[in-house]
Amino acid sequence: MNDQRGSESADALDDDVSCEVCSTENPHFAAGDRWMLAGALTVDTAASVVESSREAPLPRTGIVDLSGVDVVDSAAVAVLLAWRRRAAGEGVELTFTGAPASLAALAELYDVEDLISRKIQTPA
């Protein structure tokens, strides 16, 4: 991570939100003009990530950066679908960038790739 992104993530974290898995501030989610996720997005972290995002305004740019996510399971698909539903309700278009290939594979397996992959960008 470059220094700017790291400081942006740290500045954007809500001090009151903690990760039950890590027992610290939530290192998995950072709000702001662009939402950023890092680490595992699994059944163990999904509830904490969703809770962290609940009070945050949707990203002004519409971008959700997943490039820091290194482990996913089906809970990651559920998180993205929840954000997609929220964005639709608020009239905002989300773009998922840096999605790991394993997340795209899960979305395809569950036959929801259209709901998630719409505007998803994966690294080359």
Protein backbone atom coordinates (compact mmCIF):
# COMPACT_ATOMS: atom_id res chain seq x y z
CA MET A 1 0.00 0.00 0.00
CA ASN A 2 1.27 3.48 -0.69
CA ASP A 3 1.50 5.96 2.18
CA GLN A 4 -1.42 8.07 0.95
CA ARG A 5 -3.81 5.12 0.81
CA GLY A 6 -2.69 3.87 4.21
CA SER A 7 -3.24 7.23 5.88
CA GLU A 8 -6.57 7.67 4.08
CA SER A 9 -7.68 4.30 5.43
CA ALA A 10 -6.58 5.12 8.96
CA ASP A 11 -8.21 8.56 8.90
CA ALA A 12 -11.47 7.12 7.58
CA LEU A 13 -11.92 4.44 10.25
CA ASP A 14 -14.54 5.06 12.90
CA ASP A 15 -12.91 4.81 16.34
CA ASP A 16 -16.08 3.30 17.83
CA VAL A 17 -16.17 0.31 15.47
CA SER A 18 -14.11 -2.69 16.38
CA CYS A 19 -13.54 -5.99 14.69
CA GLU A 20 -14.67 -8.96 16.77
CA VAL A 21 -12.05 -11.12 15.07
CA CYS A 22 -9.12 -8.74 15.55
CA SER A 23 -10.39 -7.08 18.77
CA THR A 24 -9.16 -3.73 17.44
CA GLU A 25 -10.44 -0.92 15.28
CA ASN A 26 -11.89 -2.49 12.17
CA PRO A 27 -8.90 -2.92 9.86
CA HIS A 28 -11.10 -4.52 7.20
CA PHE A 29 -13.14 -1.46 6.16
CA ALA A 30 -12.37 2.21 5.57
CA ALA A 31 -15.03 4.70 4.48
CA GLY A 32 -14.54 7.96 2.62
CA ASP A 33 -14.75 9.17 -0.96
CA ARG A 34 -13.73 5.62 -1.91
CA TRP A 35 -14.46 2.66 0.31
CA MET A 36 -11.50 0.33 0.86
CA LEU A 37 -11.40 -3.18 2.20
CA ALA A 38 -8.38 -5.15 3.34
CA GLY A 39 -7.61 -8.58 4.72
CA ALA A 40 -10.14 -11.36 4.93
CA LEU A 41 -13.76 -10.85 3.92
CA THR A 42 -15.20 -14.05 5.34
CA VAL A 43 -17.93 -15.25 7.65
CA ASP A 44 -15.65 -14.23 10.54
CA THR A 45 -15.35 -10.59 9.42
CA ALA A 46 -18.45 -9.89 7.30
CA ALA A 47 -20.73 -8.78 10.14
CA SER A 48 -18.11 -6.36 11.40
CA VAL A 49 -17.55 -4.95 7.91
CA VAL A 50 -21.29 -4.50 7.30
CA GLU A 51 -21.73 -2.87 10.71
CA SER A 52 -18.82 -0.50 9.99
CA SER A 53 -20.35 0.49 6.66
CA ARG A 54 -23.89 0.91 7.95
CA GLU A 55 -23.39 4.41 9.37
CA ALA A 56 -20.94 5.53 6.66
CA PRO A 57 -22.30 7.40 3.67
CA LEU A 58 -21.86 5.51 0.43
CA PRO A 59 -18.60 6.44 -1.29
CA ARG A 60 -18.93 9.78 -3.09
CA THR A 61 -17.03 8.36 -6.07
CA GLY A 62 -19.08 5.16 -6.08
CA ILE A 63 -15.87 3.14 -5.89
CA VAL A 64 -15.36 0.22 -3.53
CA ASP A 65 -11.72 -0.89 -3.69
CA LEU A 66 -11.29 -4.59 -2.97
CA SER A 67 -7.60 -4.80 -3.93
CA GLY A 68 -6.55 -5.28 -0.30
CA VAL A 69 -8.83 -8.28 0.19
CA ASP A 70 -6.80 -11.47 0.27
CA VAL A 71 -9.25 -14.14 1.48
CA VAL A 72 -12.95 -14.49 0.68
CA ASP A 73 -15.76 -16.93 1.21
CA SER A 74 -19.47 -16.82 0.47
CA ALA A 75 -19.94 -14.11 3.09
CA ALA A 76 -18.02 -11.72 0.80
CA VAL A 77 -20.68 -12.20 -1.86
CA ALA A 78 -23.37 -11.43 0.71
CA VAL A 79 -21.61 -8.21 1.77
CA LEU A 80 -21.33 -6.97 -1.82
CA LEU A 81 -24.96 -7.83 -2.50
CA ALA A 82 -26.03 -5.95 0.64
CA TRP A 83 -24.07 -2.89 -0.51
CA ARG A 84 -25.56 -3.21 -3.99
CA ARG A 85 -29.09 -3.24 -2.52
CA ARG A 86 -28.32 -0.25 -0.29
CA ALA A 87 -26.83 1.70 -3.20
CA ALA A 88 -29.85 0.95 -5.39
CA GLY A 89 -32.13 2.18 -2.63
CA GLU A 90 -30.12 5.40 -2.39
CA GLY A 91 -29.84 5.84 -6.16
CA VAL A 92 -26.07 5.35 -6.23
CA GLU A 93 -24.09 3.22 -8.71
CA LEU A 94 -21.23 1.26 -7.11
CA THR A 95 -18.11 0.13 -8.91
CA PHE A 96 -16.11 -2.68 -7.31
CA THR A 97 -12.42 -2.46 -8.23
CA GLY A 98 -9.56 -4.84 -7.57
CA ALA A 99 -11.85 -7.80 -6.87
CA PRO A 100 -9.89 -11.00 -6.30
CA ALA A 101 -10.52 -13.74 -8.85
CA SER A 102 -11.81 -15.99 -6.07
CA LEU A 103 -14.65 -13.53 -5.40
CA ALA A 104 -15.64 -13.49 -9.07
CA ALA A 105 -15.58 -17.30 -9.06
CA LEU A 106 -17.89 -17.46 -6.04
CA ALA A 107 -20.31 -14.99 -7.63
CA GLU A 108 -20.38 -17.15 -10.75
CA LEU A 109 -20.91 -20.30 -8.68
CA TYR A 110 -23.93 -18.73 -6.95
CA ASP A 111 -25.21 -17.36 -10.26
CA VAL A 112 -25.11 -13.75 -9.02
CA GLU A 113 -22.21 -12.54 -11.10
CA ASP A 114 -24.49 -10.05 -12.90
CA LEU A 115 -25.50 -8.44 -9.63
CA ILE A 116 -21.93 -8.21 -8.41
CA SER A 117 -19.87 -7.98 -11.58
CA ARG A 118 -21.77 -5.04 -12.96
CA LYS A 119 -18.94 -2.54 -13.10
CA ILE A 120 -16.56 -4.85 -11.20
CA GLN A 121 -12.97 -4.41 -12.31
CA THR A 122 -10.47 -7.14 -11.58
CA PRO A 123 -6.71 -6.66 -11.71
CA ALA A 124 -5.07 -7.82 -14.93
